[in-house]
N, C-alpha and C. Protein backbone atom coordinates (compact mmCIF):
# COMPACT_ATOMS: atom_id res chain seq x y z
N MET A 1 33.14 -36.84 -4.41
CA MET A 1 33.15 -36.24 -3.10
C MET A 1 34.03 -37.11 -2.20
N ARG A 2 35.00 -36.50 -1.57
CA ARG A 2 35.93 -37.21 -0.68
C ARG A 2 35.26 -37.52 0.66
N PHE A 3 35.65 -38.64 1.24
CA PHE A 3 35.20 -38.96 2.59
C PHE A 3 36.28 -39.78 3.29
N ASP A 4 36.24 -39.74 4.61
CA ASP A 4 37.13 -40.59 5.40
C ASP A 4 36.40 -40.97 6.67
N ALA A 5 36.80 -42.10 7.20
CA ALA A 5 36.18 -42.60 8.43
C ALA A 5 37.18 -43.51 9.12
N ALA A 6 36.98 -43.71 10.41
CA ALA A 6 37.82 -44.63 11.16
C ALA A 6 36.96 -45.36 12.18
N ILE A 7 37.33 -46.62 12.42
CA ILE A 7 36.66 -47.42 13.43
C ILE A 7 37.73 -48.00 14.34
N ASP A 8 37.56 -47.81 15.65
CA ASP A 8 38.47 -48.39 16.63
C ASP A 8 37.88 -49.70 17.15
N TYR A 9 38.74 -50.69 17.32
CA TYR A 9 38.33 -52.00 17.80
C TYR A 9 39.11 -52.37 19.05
N PRO A 10 38.46 -53.04 20.01
CA PRO A 10 39.14 -53.48 21.23
C PRO A 10 39.79 -54.86 21.03
N ALA A 11 40.57 -54.98 19.97
CA ALA A 11 41.24 -56.25 19.65
C ALA A 11 42.45 -55.94 18.79
N ASP A 12 43.43 -56.84 18.82
CA ASP A 12 44.63 -56.62 18.01
C ASP A 12 44.32 -56.83 16.53
N THR A 13 45.25 -56.43 15.68
CA THR A 13 45.01 -56.47 14.23
C THR A 13 44.82 -57.89 13.70
N THR A 14 45.48 -58.86 14.31
CA THR A 14 45.31 -60.25 13.86
C THR A 14 43.88 -60.71 14.08
N ARG A 15 43.35 -60.41 15.24
CA ARG A 15 41.98 -60.81 15.57
C ARG A 15 40.97 -60.06 14.70
N VAL A 16 41.20 -58.78 14.47
CA VAL A 16 40.29 -58.00 13.63
C VAL A 16 40.32 -58.51 12.19
N ALA A 17 41.50 -58.80 11.66
CA ALA A 17 41.61 -59.32 10.29
C ALA A 17 40.89 -60.66 10.18
N ARG A 18 41.05 -61.54 11.17
CA ARG A 18 40.32 -62.83 11.15
C ARG A 18 38.81 -62.57 11.12
N MET A 19 38.35 -61.60 11.90
CA MET A 19 36.93 -61.26 11.92
C MET A 19 36.48 -60.80 10.54
N PHE A 20 37.24 -59.88 9.93
CA PHE A 20 36.87 -59.37 8.61
C PHE A 20 36.78 -60.47 7.57
N ALA A 21 37.59 -61.52 7.72
CA ALA A 21 37.63 -62.61 6.74
C ALA A 21 36.67 -63.75 7.08
N ASP A 22 35.91 -63.62 8.13
CA ASP A 22 34.98 -64.66 8.54
C ASP A 22 33.64 -64.45 7.83
N PRO A 23 33.19 -65.40 7.00
CA PRO A 23 31.93 -65.22 6.27
C PRO A 23 30.72 -64.96 7.17
N GLU A 24 30.71 -65.53 8.37
CA GLU A 24 29.59 -65.29 9.28
C GLU A 24 29.57 -63.84 9.75
N PHE A 25 30.73 -63.29 10.07
CA PHE A 25 30.79 -61.88 10.44
C PHE A 25 30.32 -61.01 9.27
N VAL A 26 30.80 -61.31 8.08
CA VAL A 26 30.43 -60.54 6.89
C VAL A 26 28.92 -60.59 6.70
N ARG A 27 28.32 -61.79 6.84
CA ARG A 27 26.87 -61.93 6.68
C ARG A 27 26.15 -61.05 7.70
N ARG A 28 26.59 -61.08 8.94
CA ARG A 28 25.94 -60.28 9.99
C ARG A 28 26.02 -58.78 9.69
N LYS A 29 27.20 -58.32 9.27
CA LYS A 29 27.32 -56.88 9.04
C LYS A 29 26.50 -56.44 7.83
N VAL A 30 26.41 -57.29 6.81
CA VAL A 30 25.61 -56.95 5.64
C VAL A 30 24.13 -56.90 6.02
N GLU A 31 23.67 -57.90 6.76
CA GLU A 31 22.27 -57.90 7.19
C GLU A 31 21.95 -56.71 8.07
N ALA A 32 22.91 -56.24 8.86
CA ALA A 32 22.70 -55.09 9.74
C ALA A 32 22.48 -53.80 8.95
N THR A 33 22.82 -53.78 7.67
CA THR A 33 22.59 -52.59 6.85
C THR A 33 21.17 -52.52 6.31
N GLY A 34 20.36 -53.55 6.58
CA GLY A 34 18.99 -53.57 6.08
C GLY A 34 18.84 -54.26 4.75
N ALA A 35 19.87 -54.95 4.30
CA ALA A 35 19.82 -55.65 3.03
C ALA A 35 18.72 -56.72 3.08
N THR A 36 18.01 -56.86 1.97
CA THR A 36 16.93 -57.85 1.91
C THR A 36 17.40 -59.17 1.31
N SER A 37 18.50 -59.16 0.60
CA SER A 37 19.12 -60.40 0.12
C SER A 37 20.62 -60.17 -0.01
N THR A 38 21.38 -61.23 0.19
CA THR A 38 22.83 -61.08 0.18
C THR A 38 23.51 -62.26 -0.49
N ALA A 39 24.71 -62.00 -0.97
CA ALA A 39 25.62 -63.04 -1.43
C ALA A 39 27.00 -62.64 -0.93
N ILE A 40 27.74 -63.60 -0.39
CA ILE A 40 29.02 -63.32 0.24
C ILE A 40 30.05 -64.32 -0.28
N GLU A 41 31.23 -63.78 -0.57
CA GLU A 41 32.33 -64.63 -1.00
C GLU A 41 33.61 -64.10 -0.36
N VAL A 42 34.31 -64.95 0.39
CA VAL A 42 35.58 -64.59 1.00
C VAL A 42 36.65 -65.50 0.39
N THR A 43 37.67 -64.88 -0.19
CA THR A 43 38.72 -65.62 -0.87
C THR A 43 40.07 -65.31 -0.24
N PRO A 44 40.74 -66.35 0.29
CA PRO A 44 42.08 -66.09 0.86
C PRO A 44 43.09 -65.81 -0.24
N GLY A 45 44.09 -64.98 0.08
CA GLY A 45 45.16 -64.67 -0.86
C GLY A 45 46.42 -65.43 -0.53
N ASP A 46 47.38 -65.41 -1.41
CA ASP A 46 48.64 -66.12 -1.22
C ASP A 46 49.51 -65.50 -0.14
N ASP A 47 49.37 -64.21 0.10
CA ASP A 47 50.26 -63.50 1.03
C ASP A 47 49.67 -63.33 2.43
N GLY A 48 48.61 -64.06 2.73
CA GLY A 48 47.94 -63.88 4.01
C GLY A 48 46.83 -62.85 3.94
N GLY A 49 46.67 -62.25 2.79
CA GLY A 49 45.58 -61.30 2.59
C GLY A 49 44.30 -62.04 2.24
N PHE A 50 43.27 -61.30 1.91
CA PHE A 50 41.99 -61.90 1.55
C PHE A 50 41.14 -60.87 0.82
N THR A 51 40.17 -61.37 0.09
CA THR A 51 39.21 -60.53 -0.63
C THR A 51 37.82 -60.89 -0.15
N VAL A 52 37.02 -59.86 0.13
CA VAL A 52 35.64 -60.05 0.56
C VAL A 52 34.75 -59.38 -0.48
N LEU A 53 33.89 -60.17 -1.10
CA LEU A 53 32.94 -59.68 -2.08
C LEU A 53 31.54 -59.87 -1.52
N THR A 54 30.77 -58.79 -1.47
CA THR A 54 29.38 -58.91 -1.06
C THR A 54 28.50 -58.28 -2.12
N ARG A 55 27.35 -58.90 -2.28
CA ARG A 55 26.30 -58.33 -3.11
C ARG A 55 25.07 -58.28 -2.22
N ARG A 56 24.40 -57.14 -2.27
CA ARG A 56 23.22 -57.00 -1.44
C ARG A 56 22.16 -56.21 -2.17
N SER A 57 20.93 -56.55 -1.90
CA SER A 57 19.79 -55.79 -2.41
C SER A 57 19.27 -54.97 -1.23
N THR A 58 19.13 -53.68 -1.46
CA THR A 58 18.76 -52.76 -0.40
C THR A 58 17.60 -51.88 -0.85
N PRO A 59 16.59 -51.70 -0.01
CA PRO A 59 15.49 -50.79 -0.37
C PRO A 59 16.02 -49.37 -0.59
N THR A 60 15.37 -48.64 -1.47
CA THR A 60 15.83 -47.28 -1.81
C THR A 60 15.11 -46.20 -1.03
N ASP A 61 14.40 -46.57 0.01
CA ASP A 61 13.65 -45.56 0.77
C ASP A 61 14.54 -44.56 1.49
N ARG A 62 15.85 -44.82 1.56
CA ARG A 62 16.76 -43.90 2.26
C ARG A 62 17.59 -43.04 1.30
N ILE A 63 17.36 -43.16 0.02
CA ILE A 63 18.15 -42.37 -0.92
C ILE A 63 17.28 -41.27 -1.52
N PRO A 64 17.90 -40.23 -2.07
CA PRO A 64 17.12 -39.12 -2.63
C PRO A 64 16.15 -39.59 -3.72
N THR A 65 14.98 -38.97 -3.72
CA THR A 65 13.94 -39.32 -4.69
C THR A 65 14.46 -39.25 -6.11
N ALA A 66 15.30 -38.28 -6.41
CA ALA A 66 15.83 -38.12 -7.77
C ALA A 66 16.59 -39.36 -8.23
N LEU A 67 17.31 -40.00 -7.33
CA LEU A 67 18.06 -41.19 -7.71
C LEU A 67 17.14 -42.40 -7.82
N ARG A 68 16.07 -42.43 -7.05
CA ARG A 68 15.13 -43.56 -7.11
C ARG A 68 14.56 -43.72 -8.51
N SER A 69 14.39 -42.63 -9.23
CA SER A 69 13.86 -42.74 -10.58
C SER A 69 14.79 -43.51 -11.50
N PHE A 70 16.07 -43.58 -11.16
CA PHE A 70 17.03 -44.36 -11.95
C PHE A 70 17.04 -45.83 -11.56
N VAL A 71 16.71 -46.14 -10.31
CA VAL A 71 16.93 -47.50 -9.82
C VAL A 71 15.69 -48.24 -9.34
N GLY A 72 14.59 -47.58 -9.07
CA GLY A 72 13.39 -48.28 -8.63
C GLY A 72 13.32 -48.45 -7.12
N ALA A 73 12.62 -49.51 -6.70
CA ALA A 73 12.33 -49.73 -5.28
C ALA A 73 13.51 -50.30 -4.50
N SER A 74 14.47 -50.87 -5.19
CA SER A 74 15.64 -51.40 -4.49
C SER A 74 16.88 -51.24 -5.37
N ILE A 75 18.02 -51.30 -4.73
CA ILE A 75 19.28 -51.23 -5.47
C ILE A 75 20.12 -52.45 -5.13
N ASP A 76 20.89 -52.87 -6.10
CA ASP A 76 21.82 -53.96 -5.89
C ASP A 76 23.21 -53.36 -5.80
N VAL A 77 23.85 -53.59 -4.66
CA VAL A 77 25.15 -53.01 -4.38
C VAL A 77 26.19 -54.13 -4.34
N ARG A 78 27.27 -53.91 -5.04
CA ARG A 78 28.42 -54.84 -5.02
C ARG A 78 29.54 -54.11 -4.30
N PHE A 79 30.05 -54.74 -3.23
CA PHE A 79 31.11 -54.16 -2.43
C PHE A 79 32.27 -55.14 -2.36
N VAL A 80 33.45 -54.68 -2.73
CA VAL A 80 34.64 -55.53 -2.74
C VAL A 80 35.71 -54.89 -1.87
N GLU A 81 36.22 -55.65 -0.92
CA GLU A 81 37.35 -55.24 -0.09
C GLU A 81 38.50 -56.19 -0.38
N VAL A 82 39.66 -55.64 -0.70
CA VAL A 82 40.85 -56.45 -0.94
C VAL A 82 41.88 -56.05 0.12
N TRP A 83 42.20 -57.01 0.99
CA TRP A 83 43.15 -56.77 2.08
C TRP A 83 44.46 -57.47 1.76
N GLN A 84 45.57 -56.77 1.94
CA GLN A 84 46.90 -57.36 1.77
C GLN A 84 47.27 -58.11 3.05
N GLY A 85 48.31 -58.93 2.97
CA GLY A 85 48.83 -59.61 4.14
C GLY A 85 49.40 -58.60 5.13
N ALA A 86 49.57 -59.04 6.36
CA ALA A 86 50.06 -58.16 7.43
C ALA A 86 51.57 -57.99 7.34
N ASP A 87 52.04 -56.81 7.73
CA ASP A 87 53.49 -56.61 7.85
C ASP A 87 53.92 -57.05 9.25
N ALA A 88 55.17 -56.86 9.59
CA ALA A 88 55.72 -57.32 10.88
C ALA A 88 55.01 -56.70 12.08
N ASP A 89 54.46 -55.50 11.92
CA ASP A 89 53.75 -54.83 13.02
C ASP A 89 52.26 -55.18 13.06
N GLY A 90 51.79 -55.98 12.11
CA GLY A 90 50.37 -56.33 12.05
C GLY A 90 49.54 -55.41 11.19
N ARG A 91 50.16 -54.42 10.59
CA ARG A 91 49.44 -53.47 9.72
C ARG A 91 49.04 -54.16 8.41
N ARG A 92 47.90 -53.77 7.92
CA ARG A 92 47.43 -54.24 6.62
C ARG A 92 46.89 -53.04 5.85
N SER A 93 47.06 -53.07 4.56
CA SER A 93 46.45 -52.06 3.72
C SER A 93 45.53 -52.76 2.73
N GLY A 94 44.65 -51.99 2.15
CA GLY A 94 43.72 -52.57 1.21
C GLY A 94 43.01 -51.53 0.39
N THR A 95 42.09 -52.02 -0.41
CA THR A 95 41.27 -51.15 -1.25
C THR A 95 39.82 -51.59 -1.13
N PHE A 96 38.91 -50.70 -1.48
CA PHE A 96 37.50 -51.07 -1.56
C PHE A 96 36.87 -50.41 -2.77
N THR A 97 35.85 -51.08 -3.27
CA THR A 97 35.07 -50.58 -4.41
C THR A 97 33.61 -50.88 -4.14
N MET A 98 32.75 -49.89 -4.33
CA MET A 98 31.32 -50.09 -4.22
C MET A 98 30.68 -49.65 -5.53
N ASP A 99 29.91 -50.55 -6.13
CA ASP A 99 29.19 -50.25 -7.37
C ASP A 99 27.71 -50.46 -7.14
N VAL A 100 26.90 -49.58 -7.70
CA VAL A 100 25.46 -49.72 -7.63
C VAL A 100 24.97 -50.14 -9.01
N ALA A 101 24.43 -51.34 -9.11
CA ALA A 101 23.99 -51.87 -10.41
C ALA A 101 22.88 -51.01 -10.99
N GLY A 102 23.03 -50.68 -12.25
CA GLY A 102 22.00 -49.92 -12.95
C GLY A 102 21.94 -48.45 -12.59
N ALA A 103 22.91 -47.96 -11.83
CA ALA A 103 22.91 -46.55 -11.43
C ALA A 103 24.31 -45.98 -11.65
N PRO A 104 24.37 -44.74 -12.00
CA PRO A 104 25.68 -44.11 -12.23
C PRO A 104 26.32 -43.63 -10.93
N ALA A 105 26.44 -44.55 -9.96
CA ALA A 105 26.96 -44.16 -8.64
C ALA A 105 27.86 -45.25 -8.09
N GLY A 106 28.85 -44.82 -7.31
CA GLY A 106 29.74 -45.78 -6.67
C GLY A 106 30.76 -45.07 -5.81
N ALA A 107 31.65 -45.85 -5.22
CA ALA A 107 32.70 -45.30 -4.39
C ALA A 107 33.92 -46.21 -4.48
N THR A 108 35.10 -45.62 -4.35
CA THR A 108 36.35 -46.36 -4.31
C THR A 108 37.25 -45.73 -3.26
N GLY A 109 38.20 -46.52 -2.78
CA GLY A 109 39.12 -45.94 -1.82
C GLY A 109 40.10 -46.95 -1.27
N THR A 110 40.78 -46.51 -0.21
CA THR A 110 41.79 -47.34 0.43
C THR A 110 41.42 -47.57 1.88
N THR A 111 41.98 -48.65 2.43
CA THR A 111 41.77 -48.99 3.83
C THR A 111 43.12 -49.24 4.48
N GLU A 112 43.16 -49.07 5.77
CA GLU A 112 44.38 -49.32 6.54
C GLU A 112 43.96 -49.87 7.89
N LEU A 113 44.50 -51.03 8.26
CA LEU A 113 44.29 -51.62 9.57
C LEU A 113 45.60 -51.49 10.32
N GLU A 114 45.56 -50.83 11.48
CA GLU A 114 46.79 -50.55 12.21
C GLU A 114 46.60 -50.78 13.70
N PRO A 115 47.67 -51.20 14.38
CA PRO A 115 47.57 -51.36 15.83
C PRO A 115 47.49 -50.01 16.53
N THR A 116 46.74 -49.97 17.64
CA THR A 116 46.66 -48.75 18.44
C THR A 116 47.11 -49.02 19.87
N GLY A 117 47.77 -50.11 20.07
CA GLY A 117 48.24 -50.51 21.39
C GLY A 117 48.28 -52.02 21.45
N ALA A 118 48.55 -52.55 22.62
CA ALA A 118 48.68 -54.00 22.76
C ALA A 118 47.39 -54.75 22.44
N ALA A 119 46.25 -54.16 22.73
CA ALA A 119 44.99 -54.86 22.54
C ALA A 119 43.98 -54.01 21.77
N GLY A 120 44.46 -53.16 20.88
CA GLY A 120 43.55 -52.32 20.12
C GLY A 120 44.01 -52.14 18.70
N SER A 121 43.07 -51.76 17.85
CA SER A 121 43.41 -51.49 16.46
C SER A 121 42.41 -50.49 15.88
N ARG A 122 42.77 -49.94 14.75
CA ARG A 122 41.94 -48.95 14.08
C ARG A 122 41.93 -49.27 12.58
N VAL A 123 40.76 -49.14 12.00
CA VAL A 123 40.63 -49.25 10.54
C VAL A 123 40.27 -47.88 10.02
N ARG A 124 41.02 -47.45 9.02
CA ARG A 124 40.75 -46.15 8.39
C ARG A 124 40.28 -46.39 6.96
N TYR A 125 39.29 -45.61 6.56
CA TYR A 125 38.77 -45.64 5.20
C TYR A 125 38.95 -44.25 4.60
N ASP A 126 39.47 -44.18 3.40
CA ASP A 126 39.65 -42.92 2.69
C ASP A 126 39.17 -43.16 1.27
N GLY A 127 38.20 -42.39 0.82
CA GLY A 127 37.65 -42.69 -0.50
C GLY A 127 37.00 -41.53 -1.20
N ASP A 128 36.46 -41.86 -2.35
CA ASP A 128 35.76 -40.93 -3.22
C ASP A 128 34.43 -41.53 -3.62
N ALA A 129 33.35 -40.76 -3.51
CA ALA A 129 32.05 -41.14 -4.05
C ALA A 129 31.89 -40.41 -5.37
N LYS A 130 31.46 -41.13 -6.38
CA LYS A 130 31.27 -40.55 -7.71
C LYS A 130 29.87 -40.84 -8.20
N VAL A 131 29.24 -39.82 -8.75
CA VAL A 131 27.92 -39.96 -9.36
C VAL A 131 27.94 -39.20 -10.67
N ASN A 132 27.55 -39.86 -11.72
CA ASN A 132 27.53 -39.24 -13.05
C ASN A 132 26.11 -38.93 -13.48
N VAL A 133 25.49 -37.99 -12.78
CA VAL A 133 24.14 -37.54 -13.11
C VAL A 133 24.18 -36.02 -13.18
N PRO A 134 24.04 -35.45 -14.38
CA PRO A 134 24.09 -33.99 -14.48
C PRO A 134 23.07 -33.32 -13.56
N PHE A 135 23.49 -32.25 -12.94
CA PHE A 135 22.68 -31.41 -12.05
C PHE A 135 22.30 -32.06 -10.73
N LEU A 136 22.42 -33.39 -10.62
CA LEU A 136 22.07 -34.07 -9.39
C LEU A 136 23.28 -34.70 -8.72
N GLY A 137 24.43 -34.59 -9.33
CA GLY A 137 25.63 -35.28 -8.85
C GLY A 137 25.95 -35.02 -7.39
N ALA A 138 26.03 -33.76 -6.99
CA ALA A 138 26.45 -33.44 -5.62
C ALA A 138 25.49 -33.99 -4.56
N PRO A 139 24.17 -33.79 -4.69
CA PRO A 139 23.27 -34.35 -3.67
C PRO A 139 23.31 -35.87 -3.63
N VAL A 140 23.45 -36.49 -4.79
CA VAL A 140 23.49 -37.95 -4.83
C VAL A 140 24.83 -38.45 -4.28
N GLU A 141 25.92 -37.73 -4.55
CA GLU A 141 27.21 -38.10 -3.97
C GLU A 141 27.13 -38.04 -2.44
N ARG A 142 26.45 -37.03 -1.92
CA ARG A 142 26.27 -36.95 -0.47
C ARG A 142 25.48 -38.16 0.03
N ALA A 143 24.49 -38.60 -0.74
CA ALA A 143 23.72 -39.79 -0.36
C ALA A 143 24.59 -41.04 -0.40
N VAL A 144 25.49 -41.13 -1.37
CA VAL A 144 26.40 -42.28 -1.43
C VAL A 144 27.34 -42.28 -0.22
N VAL A 145 27.87 -41.11 0.12
CA VAL A 145 28.74 -41.00 1.30
C VAL A 145 27.95 -41.40 2.55
N GLU A 146 26.70 -40.95 2.65
CA GLU A 146 25.88 -41.32 3.79
C GLU A 146 25.64 -42.84 3.82
N ALA A 147 25.44 -43.44 2.65
CA ALA A 147 25.26 -44.90 2.59
C ALA A 147 26.51 -45.62 3.05
N VAL A 148 27.67 -45.14 2.63
CA VAL A 148 28.94 -45.74 3.07
C VAL A 148 29.06 -45.59 4.59
N GLN A 149 28.72 -44.43 5.12
CA GLN A 149 28.78 -44.22 6.57
C GLN A 149 27.83 -45.15 7.31
N ASN A 150 26.64 -45.39 6.74
CA ASN A 150 25.69 -46.32 7.36
C ASN A 150 26.25 -47.73 7.39
N VAL A 151 26.94 -48.13 6.30
CA VAL A 151 27.58 -49.45 6.26
C VAL A 151 28.65 -49.54 7.34
N LEU A 152 29.45 -48.50 7.49
CA LEU A 152 30.51 -48.50 8.50
C LEU A 152 29.93 -48.49 9.91
N ASP A 153 28.84 -47.77 10.12
CA ASP A 153 28.19 -47.78 11.44
C ASP A 153 27.68 -49.18 11.77
N ALA A 154 27.09 -49.86 10.78
CA ALA A 154 26.61 -51.23 10.99
C ALA A 154 27.79 -52.14 11.29
N GLU A 155 28.90 -51.96 10.55
CA GLU A 155 30.08 -52.78 10.80
C GLU A 155 30.60 -52.57 12.22
N ARG A 156 30.63 -51.34 12.67
CA ARG A 156 31.10 -51.02 14.02
C ARG A 156 30.23 -51.73 15.06
N ARG A 157 28.92 -51.65 14.93
CA ARG A 157 28.00 -52.29 15.89
C ARG A 157 28.18 -53.81 15.91
N VAL A 158 28.18 -54.39 14.73
CA VAL A 158 28.28 -55.85 14.63
C VAL A 158 29.64 -56.32 15.14
N ALA A 159 30.69 -55.58 14.82
CA ALA A 159 32.04 -55.96 15.27
C ALA A 159 32.15 -55.92 16.79
N GLN A 160 31.56 -54.93 17.41
CA GLN A 160 31.60 -54.85 18.88
C GLN A 160 30.92 -56.08 19.49
N GLU A 161 29.77 -56.46 18.94
CA GLU A 161 29.07 -57.66 19.41
C GLU A 161 29.93 -58.90 19.16
N TRP A 162 30.48 -59.00 17.97
CA TRP A 162 31.28 -60.16 17.56
C TRP A 162 32.49 -60.33 18.50
N LEU A 163 33.20 -59.25 18.72
CA LEU A 163 34.41 -59.34 19.55
C LEU A 163 34.06 -59.62 21.01
N THR A 164 32.93 -59.17 21.47
CA THR A 164 32.48 -59.45 22.84
C THR A 164 32.09 -60.93 22.98
N GLU A 165 31.46 -61.48 21.94
CA GLU A 165 31.02 -62.87 21.98
C GLU A 165 32.18 -63.86 21.95
N ARG A 166 33.31 -63.46 21.34
CA ARG A 166 34.41 -64.40 21.13
C ARG A 166 35.61 -64.04 21.95
């Protein structure tokens, strides 16, 4: 199932990229999703890019009952964002992958960070949610898309606070 989303930030792309690569910001946004345990790894790249790997354990009370039978009371989600270095205009592109341990569900896609003016930027997400469960695929894919949207909503809230504080 295809999905897309965008988040506008009141900061330039350099500042937003620094925020995305800050382990404290990453920890805050992951915790804002309701995760009960987390692991975070931020790795700088040679070209000014970076990779953010998060692992989180999340209660399954928000996912369809049919999928809970596959995963139990909580799910372990691995989320990887790979950001390339900035071009001359401050634009960055990247990819993301979300895997749910022990469940036939996940999402992949691309990201784009672009300037929207002198002091603004936008991040766009374009992806696909995939679920390999016969007869339940479509409803579970919708749940995966909703989970991705919840993660992005948490990121938006935490980023607004983060940028206001700094």
